[in-house]
Each structure stands twice: as structure tokens, then as C-alpha cells.
Protein backbone atom coordinates (compact mmCIF):
# COMPACT_ATOMS: atom_id res chain seq x y z
CA MET A 1 44.10 73.53 21.15
CA THR A 2 46.89 70.93 21.10
CA ILE A 3 48.46 70.24 24.49
CA LEU A 4 52.23 70.64 24.34
CA PRO A 5 54.34 67.56 25.21
CA PRO A 6 55.67 68.59 28.67
CA LEU A 7 52.21 69.21 30.08
CA ARG A 8 50.80 66.09 28.49
CA ARG A 9 53.54 63.94 30.02
CA THR A 10 53.19 65.53 33.46
CA LEU A 11 49.42 65.23 33.73
CA ALA A 12 49.40 61.78 32.13
CA ALA A 13 51.87 60.54 34.74
CA ILE A 14 49.79 61.99 37.57
CA ALA A 15 46.59 60.58 36.08
CA THR A 16 48.17 57.12 35.95
CA SER A 17 49.20 57.42 39.58
CA CYS A 18 45.69 58.58 40.45
CA ALA A 19 44.14 55.58 38.69
CA LEU A 20 46.43 53.20 40.57
CA LEU A 21 45.54 54.83 43.86
CA LEU A 22 41.84 54.67 43.12
CA ALA A 23 42.16 50.98 42.33
CA THR A 24 43.58 50.35 45.81
CA LEU A 25 41.00 52.37 47.74
CA PRO A 26 38.57 50.38 49.89
CA ALA A 27 35.12 49.97 48.37
CA GLN A 28 33.56 51.85 51.29
CA ALA A 29 35.79 54.91 50.95
CA GLU A 30 33.58 57.96 51.46
CA VAL A 31 33.67 61.11 49.40
CA VAL A 32 32.93 64.04 51.72
CA PHE A 33 31.18 67.02 50.16
CA GLN A 34 31.64 70.43 51.77
CA ASP A 35 29.31 73.35 51.11
CA ILE A 36 31.50 76.46 51.02
CA THR A 37 30.79 80.17 50.52
CA SER A 38 33.39 82.76 49.60
CA PRO A 39 33.67 86.17 51.31
CA LYS A 40 31.87 87.67 48.29
CA GLY A 41 29.01 85.18 48.63
CA ILE A 42 29.93 82.75 45.84
CA LYS A 43 28.86 79.21 46.70
CA ALA A 44 30.52 75.95 45.68
CA TRP A 45 30.82 72.32 46.71
CA LEU A 46 34.27 71.06 47.63
CA VAL A 47 35.88 67.64 47.98
CA GLU A 48 39.34 67.69 49.54
CA ASP A 49 41.58 64.91 48.20
CA TYR A 50 45.34 64.97 48.72
CA ALA A 51 46.08 61.58 47.15
CA VAL A 52 47.58 63.28 44.10
CA PRO A 53 48.75 66.91 43.68
CA ILE A 54 45.96 67.99 41.33
CA VAL A 55 43.13 70.50 41.72
CA THR A 56 40.12 70.28 39.44
CA ILE A 57 37.45 72.95 39.15
CA ARG A 58 34.29 72.64 37.08
CA PHE A 59 31.61 75.28 36.76
CA ALA A 60 28.40 75.83 34.86
CA PHE A 61 26.37 78.87 33.94
CA GLU A 62 22.70 78.11 33.35
CA GLY A 63 21.77 79.04 29.80
CA GLY A 64 23.33 76.98 27.03
CA THR A 65 22.66 76.78 23.33
CA THR A 66 18.96 77.59 23.73
CA GLN A 67 20.14 81.15 24.35
CA ASP A 68 21.33 81.55 20.74
CA PRO A 69 19.25 84.30 19.08
CA ILE A 70 17.15 83.22 16.12
CA GLY A 71 19.34 83.49 13.04
CA LYS A 72 22.53 83.16 15.11
CA GLU A 73 22.41 79.44 15.84
CA GLY A 74 25.87 78.11 16.65
CA LEU A 75 26.88 81.22 18.58
CA THR A 76 27.22 79.50 21.96
CA THR A 77 29.01 76.53 20.41
CA LEU A 78 31.50 78.85 18.71
CA LEU A 79 31.94 80.71 22.00
CA THR A 80 33.05 77.51 23.75
CA THR A 81 36.00 77.12 21.36
CA LEU A 82 37.59 80.52 21.98
CA PHE A 83 38.47 80.89 25.67
CA ASP A 84 41.93 79.37 25.27
CA GLU A 85 42.49 81.35 22.06
CA GLY A 86 43.65 84.53 23.77
CA ALA A 87 42.66 86.60 26.80
CA GLY A 88 43.76 89.92 28.24
CA ASP A 89 47.09 90.94 26.73
CA LEU A 90 47.91 87.36 25.61
CA ASP A 91 47.10 86.33 22.06
CA SER A 92 46.27 82.74 21.17
CA GLU A 93 49.81 81.40 21.00
CA ALA A 94 51.00 83.28 24.08
CA PHE A 95 47.99 82.16 26.11
CA GLN A 96 48.43 78.51 25.22
CA ILE A 97 52.15 78.61 26.03
CA ALA A 98 51.37 80.24 29.38
CA LEU A 99 48.74 77.60 30.07
CA ASP A 100 51.23 74.82 29.46
CA ASP A 101 53.90 76.56 31.55
CA ALA A 102 51.36 76.76 34.38
CA GLY A 103 50.79 72.98 34.24
CA ALA A 104 47.07 73.24 33.48
CA GLU A 105 44.39 72.00 31.09
CA MET A 106 41.34 74.13 30.40
CA GLY A 107 38.14 73.39 28.49
CA PHE A 108 34.70 74.79 27.76
CA ALA A 109 31.55 73.16 26.40
CA ALA A 110 27.81 73.74 26.21
CA ASP A 111 24.61 71.74 26.00
CA THR A 112 21.09 72.98 25.50
CA ASP A 113 20.68 74.21 29.07
CA ALA A 114 24.11 75.17 30.44
CA PHE A 115 27.55 76.50 29.55
CA TYR A 116 30.41 74.58 31.21
CA GLY A 117 34.01 75.38 32.00
CA SER A 118 36.73 73.38 33.71
CA MET A 119 40.40 73.44 34.62
CA ARG A 120 42.71 70.73 35.89
CA MET A 121 45.90 72.12 37.41
CA LEU A 122 48.97 71.06 39.34
CA ALA A 123 48.54 72.00 42.97
CA ASP A 124 51.95 73.68 43.29
CA GLN A 125 51.20 75.89 40.25
CA ARG A 126 47.63 76.71 41.22
CA ASP A 127 48.13 80.48 41.42
CA GLU A 128 49.51 80.71 37.88
CA ALA A 129 46.78 78.47 36.49
CA VAL A 130 43.97 80.30 38.27
CA ALA A 131 45.29 83.62 37.00
CA LEU A 132 44.95 82.35 33.42
CA LEU A 133 41.47 80.96 34.00
CA LYS A 134 40.45 84.29 35.55
CA LEU A 135 41.76 86.08 32.47
CA ALA A 136 39.80 83.74 30.17
CA ILE A 137 36.58 84.20 32.17
CA GLU A 138 36.85 87.99 32.45
CA GLU A 139 38.71 89.12 29.32
CA PRO A 140 38.46 86.70 26.38
CA ARG A 141 39.86 88.43 23.29
CA PHE A 142 37.77 87.01 20.44
CA ASP A 143 40.42 87.95 17.90
CA GLN A 144 39.37 87.55 14.28
CA ASN A 145 41.95 84.93 13.28
CA PRO A 146 40.91 82.44 16.00
CA ILE A 147 37.24 83.15 15.27
CA ASP A 148 37.74 82.31 11.61
CA ARG A 149 39.79 79.22 12.41
CA MET A 150 37.28 77.82 14.90
CA ARG A 151 34.34 78.70 12.67
CA ALA A 152 36.04 76.76 9.85
CA GLN A 153 36.32 73.71 12.12
CA LEU A 154 32.60 73.88 12.91
CA VAL A 155 31.81 74.24 9.19
CA THR A 156 33.92 71.16 8.47
CA GLY A 157 31.95 69.23 11.07
CA ILE A 158 28.62 70.36 9.60
CA ASN A 159 29.70 69.36 6.09
CA ALA A 160 30.86 65.96 7.33
CA ALA A 161 27.60 65.41 9.23
CA ALA A 162 25.63 66.25 6.10
CA GLN A 163 27.05 63.06 4.54
CA ASN A 164 25.64 61.01 7.40
CA PRO A 165 22.00 60.01 6.86
CA GLY A 166 21.49 60.03 10.60
CA THR A 167 21.86 63.81 10.60
CA ALA A 168 18.70 64.31 8.58
CA ALA A 169 16.87 61.84 10.78
CA GLN A 170 17.90 63.61 13.97
CA ARG A 171 16.79 66.96 12.58
CA GLN A 172 13.40 65.58 11.59
CA TRP A 173 13.10 63.88 14.98
CA ALA A 174 13.85 67.09 16.88
CA THR A 175 11.45 69.13 14.75
CA ALA A 176 8.71 66.53 15.11
CA LEU A 177 9.07 66.43 18.89
CA TYR A 178 9.63 70.12 19.58
CA GLY A 179 8.37 72.13 16.59
CA ASP A 180 9.80 75.65 16.65
CA HIS A 181 11.00 75.42 20.28
CA PRO A 182 14.72 76.15 20.85
CA TYR A 183 15.24 72.43 21.55
CA ALA A 184 14.57 71.76 17.86
CA ARG A 185 17.21 74.20 16.64
CA ARG A 186 20.71 73.16 15.65
CA SER A 187 23.18 73.82 18.45
CA GLU A 188 26.12 73.69 16.02
CA GLY A 189 24.47 76.23 13.76
CA THR A 190 24.23 76.15 9.98
CA LEU A 191 26.61 77.28 7.26
CA GLU A 192 24.54 80.45 6.91
CA THR A 193 24.23 81.34 10.61
CA LEU A 194 27.90 80.63 11.37
CA ALA A 195 29.01 82.84 8.48
CA GLY A 196 27.26 85.84 10.02
CA LEU A 197 28.63 85.56 13.57
CA THR A 198 30.92 88.38 14.72
CA ALA A 199 33.21 89.18 17.64
CA GLN A 200 30.51 91.56 18.84
CA ASP A 201 28.00 88.69 18.93
CA LEU A 202 30.45 86.61 20.97
CA ARG A 203 31.09 89.41 23.46
CA ALA A 204 27.37 89.97 23.89
CA MET A 205 26.70 86.28 24.57
CA HIS A 206 29.63 86.10 27.00
CA THR A 207 28.19 89.07 28.92
CA ARG A 208 24.70 87.59 28.95
CA LEU A 209 25.72 84.16 30.26
CA PHE A 210 28.58 84.81 32.68
CA ALA A 211 26.98 85.98 35.92
CA ARG A 212 26.99 84.91 39.55
CA GLN A 213 23.30 84.12 40.00
CA ASN A 214 23.29 81.31 37.42
CA LEU A 215 26.69 79.91 38.45
CA HIS A 216 27.35 76.43 39.92
CA VAL A 217 30.83 75.31 40.97
CA GLY A 218 32.51 72.07 42.04
CA ILE A 219 36.12 71.88 43.28
CA VAL A 220 38.03 68.65 43.90
CA GLY A 221 41.59 67.92 44.93
CA ALA A 222 44.54 69.08 46.96
CA ILE A 223 43.02 72.30 48.27
CA ASP A 224 41.38 73.24 51.57
CA ALA A 225 38.22 75.26 52.11
CA GLU A 226 40.03 78.54 52.86
CA ALA A 227 42.07 78.41 49.65
CA ALA A 228 39.03 77.24 47.67
CA THR A 229 36.90 80.19 48.77
CA ALA A 230 39.70 82.58 47.90
CA MET A 231 39.88 80.96 44.47
CA LEU A 232 36.14 81.46 44.00
CA ASP A 233 36.42 85.20 44.58
CA THR A 234 39.46 85.45 42.33
CA LEU A 235 37.70 83.71 39.46
CA PHE A 236 34.14 84.92 39.76
CA GLY A 237 34.08 87.84 42.20
CA THR A 238 33.95 90.56 39.55
CA LEU A 239 31.21 89.00 37.40
CA PRO A 240 27.83 90.75 37.29
CA GLU A 241 25.23 89.46 39.69
CA GLN A 242 22.43 88.85 37.20
CA PRO A 243 22.58 87.10 33.80
CA ASP A 244 20.55 88.35 30.86
CA LEU A 245 18.83 85.15 29.79
CA THR A 246 15.97 84.67 27.36
CA ALA A 247 13.11 82.82 29.04
CA ILE A 248 12.69 79.30 27.63
CA ALA A 249 9.22 77.78 27.77
CA ASP A 250 8.59 74.28 29.09
CA ILE A 251 7.45 71.91 26.36
CA ALA A 252 6.14 68.37 26.25
CA PRO A 253 7.38 66.37 23.25
CA ARG A 254 4.70 65.81 20.63
CA LEU A 255 3.85 62.13 20.91
CA GLY A 256 1.62 59.91 18.78
CA GLN A 257 3.52 60.54 15.54
CA ASP A 258 4.76 57.88 13.10
CA LEU A 259 7.64 59.26 11.02
CA ARG A 260 9.86 57.80 8.34
CA VAL A 261 13.08 58.95 6.72
CA ASP A 262 13.67 56.90 3.59
CA TYR A 263 17.34 56.21 3.00
CA ASP A 264 19.10 53.40 1.19
CA LEU A 265 20.89 51.75 4.10
CA PRO A 266 21.40 48.11 5.07
CA GLN A 267 19.81 48.81 8.47
CA THR A 268 16.81 50.69 9.77
CA SER A 269 17.25 52.86 12.85
CA ILE A 270 14.28 53.08 15.20
CA PHE A 271 13.63 55.82 17.76
CA MET A 272 10.63 55.90 20.10
CA ALA A 273 9.70 58.64 22.59
CA TYR A 274 7.34 58.19 25.52
CA PRO A 275 6.48 60.74 28.22
CA SER A 276 8.73 61.03 31.28
CA LEU A 277 8.88 62.88 34.59
CA GLU A 278 10.71 65.93 35.86
CA ARG A 279 13.70 65.20 38.08
CA ASP A 280 11.99 66.52 41.22
CA ASP A 281 8.85 64.43 40.69
CA PRO A 282 8.29 62.05 43.65
CA ASP A 283 7.93 59.17 41.18
CA TYR A 284 11.14 59.92 39.27
CA LEU A 285 13.24 57.16 40.84
CA ALA A 286 10.47 54.64 40.15
CA ALA A 287 10.59 55.73 36.49
CA TYR A 288 14.38 55.53 36.56
CA LEU A 289 14.35 51.97 37.89
CA MET A 290 11.60 50.99 35.45
CA THR A 291 13.68 52.30 32.55
CA GLN A 292 16.72 50.38 33.77
CA ILE A 293 14.72 47.16 33.88
CA LEU A 294 13.14 47.90 30.50
CA GLY A 295 16.28 48.78 28.55
CA GLY A 296 19.09 50.02 30.76
CA ASP A 297 22.81 49.48 30.32
CA THR A 298 22.95 45.84 31.35
CA PHE A 299 22.50 42.67 29.36
CA GLY A 300 19.63 41.57 31.59
CA SER A 301 17.17 44.25 30.50
CA ARG A 302 13.88 43.10 29.00
CA LEU A 303 14.43 44.77 25.64
CA THR A 304 17.94 43.34 25.30
CA THR A 305 16.66 39.88 26.22
CA GLU A 306 13.69 39.87 23.86
CA VAL A 307 15.02 41.87 20.91
CA ARG A 308 18.69 40.85 20.89
CA GLU A 309 19.17 37.62 22.81
CA THR A 310 15.97 35.75 21.99
CA ARG A 311 15.39 36.90 18.40
CA GLY A 312 18.76 38.26 17.24
CA LEU A 313 17.16 41.37 15.77
CA THR A 314 19.82 43.86 16.86
CA TYR A 315 23.29 44.25 18.30
CA GLY A 316 22.03 46.67 20.91
CA ILE A 317 18.93 48.43 22.22
CA THR A 318 18.60 51.02 24.97
CA ALA A 319 15.96 52.87 26.92
CA ALA A 320 16.86 56.04 28.80
CA LEU A 321 15.26 59.03 30.47
CA ASN A 322 16.15 62.21 28.59
CA ASN A 323 15.80 65.00 31.15
CA MET A 324 16.37 68.56 30.01
CA ALA A 325 15.59 71.73 31.89
CA HIS A 326 12.34 72.30 29.97
CA SER A 327 11.31 68.89 28.62
CA GLN A 328 11.42 65.22 29.51
CA ALA A 329 11.08 62.04 27.48
CA LEU A 330 11.73 58.32 27.78
CA VAL A 331 13.56 57.34 24.59
CA ILE A 332 14.08 53.84 23.17
CA SER A 333 16.55 53.43 20.32
CA THR A 334 17.96 50.58 18.25
CA ALA A 335 18.95 49.54 14.72
CA THR A 336 18.02 46.37 12.89
CA ARG A 337 18.06 44.72 9.48
CA ALA A 338 15.83 46.70 7.15
CA ASP A 339 13.67 43.70 6.27
CA ARG A 340 13.01 43.01 9.96
CA ALA A 341 12.22 46.56 11.12
CA GLY A 342 8.49 45.89 11.38
CA GLU A 343 9.08 42.76 13.46
CA THR A 344 11.52 44.61 15.72
CA LEU A 345 9.07 47.44 16.29
CA ASP A 346 6.31 44.97 17.15
CA VAL A 347 8.52 43.20 19.70
CA ILE A 348 9.48 46.50 21.34
CA LYS A 349 5.84 47.55 21.59
CA GLN A 350 4.93 44.22 23.18
CA VAL A 351 7.73 44.43 25.76
CA VAL A 352 6.64 47.97 26.63
CA ALA A 353 2.99 46.89 26.87
CA ASP A 354 3.92 44.01 29.18
CA MET A 355 5.78 46.40 31.49
CA ALA A 356 2.81 48.78 31.53
CA ALA A 357 0.39 45.95 32.30
CA SER A 358 2.33 43.97 34.88
CA GLY A 359 5.30 46.00 36.07
CA PRO A 360 8.58 44.30 37.03
CA THR A 361 9.20 41.20 39.06
CA GLU A 362 10.75 41.35 42.52
CA ASP A 363 13.92 39.75 41.15
CA GLU A 364 14.19 42.31 38.34
CA LEU A 365 13.77 45.17 40.79
CA ALA A 366 16.35 43.74 43.20
CA ALA A 367 18.87 43.34 40.37
CA ALA A 368 18.25 46.89 39.10
CA LYS A 369 18.68 48.36 42.58
CA LYS A 370 21.92 46.46 43.12
CA TYR A 371 23.34 47.63 39.79
CA LEU A 372 22.33 51.29 40.11
CA ILE A 373 23.63 51.56 43.66
CA GLY A 374 26.84 49.63 43.01
CA SER A 375 27.77 51.31 39.74
CA TYR A 376 27.30 54.88 40.93
CA ALA A 377 30.76 55.29 42.45
CA ILE A 378 32.40 53.78 39.36
CA ASN A 379 30.47 56.02 36.98
CA GLU A 380 30.29 59.25 38.97
CA LEU A 381 33.12 59.26 41.54
CA SER A 382 36.03 57.49 39.84
CA SER A 383 38.33 60.50 39.36
CA SER A 384 38.66 64.13 40.38
CA SER A 385 37.16 65.23 37.06
CA ALA A 386 34.23 62.83 37.45
CA ILE A 387 33.58 64.01 41.01
CA ALA A 388 33.70 67.67 39.97
CA ASN A 389 31.27 66.91 37.15
CA THR A 390 28.96 65.15 39.60
CA LEU A 391 29.08 68.08 42.03
CA VAL A 392 27.96 70.50 39.33
CA GLY A 393 25.35 68.12 37.95
CA LEU A 394 23.75 67.67 41.36
CA GLN A 395 23.60 71.44 41.77
CA LEU A 396 22.02 71.98 38.36
CA ARG A 397 19.36 69.40 39.22
CA ASP A 398 18.88 70.91 42.71
CA LEU A 399 19.28 67.52 44.39
CA GLY A 400 21.09 68.70 47.52
CA ILE A 401 24.61 68.16 48.82
CA ASP A 402 23.47 65.09 50.79
CA TYR A 403 21.95 63.36 47.75
CA ILE A 404 24.72 60.77 47.38
CA ALA A 405 24.37 59.84 51.06
CA ARG A 406 20.60 59.46 50.63
CA ARG A 407 20.59 57.93 47.15
CA ALA A 408 20.80 54.25 48.09
CA GLU A 409 18.04 54.63 50.67
CA LEU A 410 15.80 56.43 48.16
CA ILE A 411 16.35 53.72 45.55
CA ASN A 412 15.78 50.90 48.01
CA ALA A 413 12.48 52.47 49.06
CA VAL A 414 10.96 51.98 45.58
CA SER A 415 8.58 49.03 45.39
CA VAL A 416 7.24 46.88 42.57
CA ALA A 417 3.88 48.60 43.06
CA ASP A 418 5.53 52.01 42.64
CA ILE A 419 7.08 50.97 39.33
CA LYS A 420 3.90 49.35 38.06
CA ALA A 421 2.00 52.57 38.74
CA VAL A 422 4.53 54.75 36.95
CA ALA A 423 4.75 52.27 34.05
CA GLN A 424 0.99 52.50 33.56
CA LYS A 425 1.24 56.28 33.68
CA LEU A 426 4.05 56.64 31.13
CA LEU A 427 4.02 53.59 28.89
CA THR A 428 0.34 53.50 27.95
CA ALA A 429 0.75 56.72 25.93
CA GLN A 430 1.10 56.49 22.17
CA PRO A 431 4.79 57.14 21.46
CA ALA A 432 6.40 59.20 18.75
CA ILE A 433 8.18 56.78 16.38
CA LEU A 434 10.85 57.50 13.81
CA GLN A 435 12.23 54.89 11.40
CA MET A 436 15.18 55.71 9.15
CA GLY A 437 16.04 53.22 6.45
CA PRO A 438 15.08 51.92 3.03
CA GLN A 439 11.53 52.11 1.77
CA PRO A 440 9.64 48.99 2.93
CA ALA A 441 8.96 46.46 0.23
CA SER A 442 5.36 46.63 -0.97
């Protein structure tokens, strides 16, 4: 939907004030998480913050696009587009006008493993905003005109993506890694599957996903615990207790493959997948630090130094842990001149082999610890929306409400020996490799 001018001006002005206030906060300012439970037993994490008159709520239902039935791919994605397109006795236009009059912004999204909703509202119009969010959660209309309009937007996106050679590469990559697992299916759907989706399909998916047992909630802003628990019951108190989810099997990505997508481009894109660890594995933080040193988001990483700075083979290269609910991988990605793709791949393999053989230096580990500890507040706690997102993310990963307080200590406890051990465990495997670019010269 398009936000109407009055709401946009109001929230933009408050957001600007919030940013200015955040800039003046002392570096040691503590964000206090409260674990609250409503009278009906709905749990949430709360951060009270009265610096600006905004309340933000974010929630997630475990499930996500992997719940799309076979042949109905794109159903969950389409569902995310329709909650502000009419609910209860309000059609699309009436609902969006009411939302603006209430001084609120509302959004929904999904990834493979969860369905997310959020609302940012003015504190003095909280009751009106919450009433609209309740209506959207409980009684979305799924009228045919909005369905057709949103489906057309998804179709436009699919057609546009089809012109991008990277789309074909990503599909081949997903299929190679995950076969016929739901992780290999297209979350946006296809032209054929989207065409067959109905209002009945949307209602069925809404009923299956929206339940209290698979719900996680974060609330941030100008609201106390008593009002927050009342809001929880208002929004979620009438939902069914149990979701109706399809069981998704755990899967390890299929490694040891060497794939190529031939395409006449000036550059060759390179993707490599190594094994990784589940988030609750005792060695996870060692793997996380190792990945930061190897190819994290700083210019001092080994891959950036060797591939970009020393040899000028790329503008950028990254390594990251890709943790999903049912699969984990360490993924390295970059793009380089087509005639230097082989050289680039050889350099990456050598850097990875060196890490597996020797681990990091003490200086590299100290720098990685300093960066990951220091950047956390900037990346995860810089606004009410970011904090709410962090609250829900910590719940989904079952890390505990005290994780942020413990995080620095946990990171500082990792030693060079710990990282060397995990590097030998993960980086000595034969990776899956995908290259997309022009056919190599013979």
C-alpha cells in the first residue's frame, strides 16, 4: 500500500527525532528486556522506551514459505501482501484510510521458516491502531480484487527476474544443494502456481499458520508491562492454540558438486558452500568468528585482502553462515572478470585451506571480537524497529532473554585453538561450487 501524506510526515518527523536522540545516548546505555506473560498465557519480550511516543510490535509465526503445498508455491508470499487490503467490515480503501487515521504503519513478510508481522504506531493512538491490527490478524477479507492486484505484482516481479541471468543460477544452486526439499522451491511461486491460487487457499494457510503455540512477540516503546500484556490478549487471545504445520525434514546441503551456468556476461559469479553448524552447537560462535575473519563485513578479512586488495580480482567478496531452521551452510560469494574466474577460485580455495590448516592469528581474533561486540548495538539495537526485530529473532533461535548480556563474554571466551578446530572440521570438506558466466575459452 502507499502511505498517505499525513501519516508519512508524522512518523518521519518522529523517526528523525528518534535518530537524533539515539545519536546523543551514551555508548553504555543499556537496553532492558522484560519477559512478560499476558493473563491468557501469551508470552512476549518487552523493552520500555519513552524517548519518543512510538510503540512498535513485531511478531512471528513459525512456518514460512516451506509450508506452501506442492503445486501452490507462492501462496505464503501472496498471503503477506493482503493483510492491509481489507479486514472485517472494511474493504481495502477503507482499511488503509483507517490505518492512516490511526497513525500507524503495518507490514507482513515471510521467509522460508517464519511468517512475520509488525506495526509501528503513535502511542496516543495505540487503541485505534491495535484494533486495526487485531482485525487484520483475525478477519482478513481476501477480496478478489486485491488478490488479483497483488498476484499481478508478483507476476511482474517473476517476469522481471526471468530477464536476470542470476535467477537461473540461483534456481540451479538451490536445486543442487537441496534437491526436492522445500528449501529448493520458489518462495515467490511460478506463473502457473500463482494463477491457481484462490481466496480459499489463502484462508486455509492463514488458519494453519496463525496460532499461539508457534508465536513469538517483541514489543518496544512507550508502553508499560501492564498495557503490553493487555495488548497481547487483544491481538492474539482468540487465536487457536495449535498450528497445523507440515513437518519439514532437516537436510544437509549436497556438497562436492562443481556446477556451471553458461551465460554471456562480462563477469563470472562464484558461489561456494561449505558445511556449517546449528545455532545451538557449542562451537557455533567459534565458527561465527572464523567466518568473520575469513570473509566477514570488514575490509580486513582474509578473502578481501587476498582476492580484492592484493590481486584486484573483485570489488567485493563475502563469507557468511547461512542458518535456516532445517539446514546450515557456510557460503562464500563473489564476482570477477570472466577471464580470471579460474584464478579467483584458486585463490579462494588457498585462503580457505590456509585457515583450515593454521587457524587465525591472535591479532585477527582480537580484531574480530572487537568488531562483532562493538557493532552489535549499531546493527541490532539502533531503533525501536531494530530492537523489536532482535527480540523476535532471539526467540526464534531460542537464545534466551539474557543473550545480549552474555554475548560479549561468550565471544571473548573463544580461543584461537577453538577456531582452528572448527576450521579443520568445516573447511576441509569439498564444497559445492557454482560459476555463472561465459563459457571458458578452450
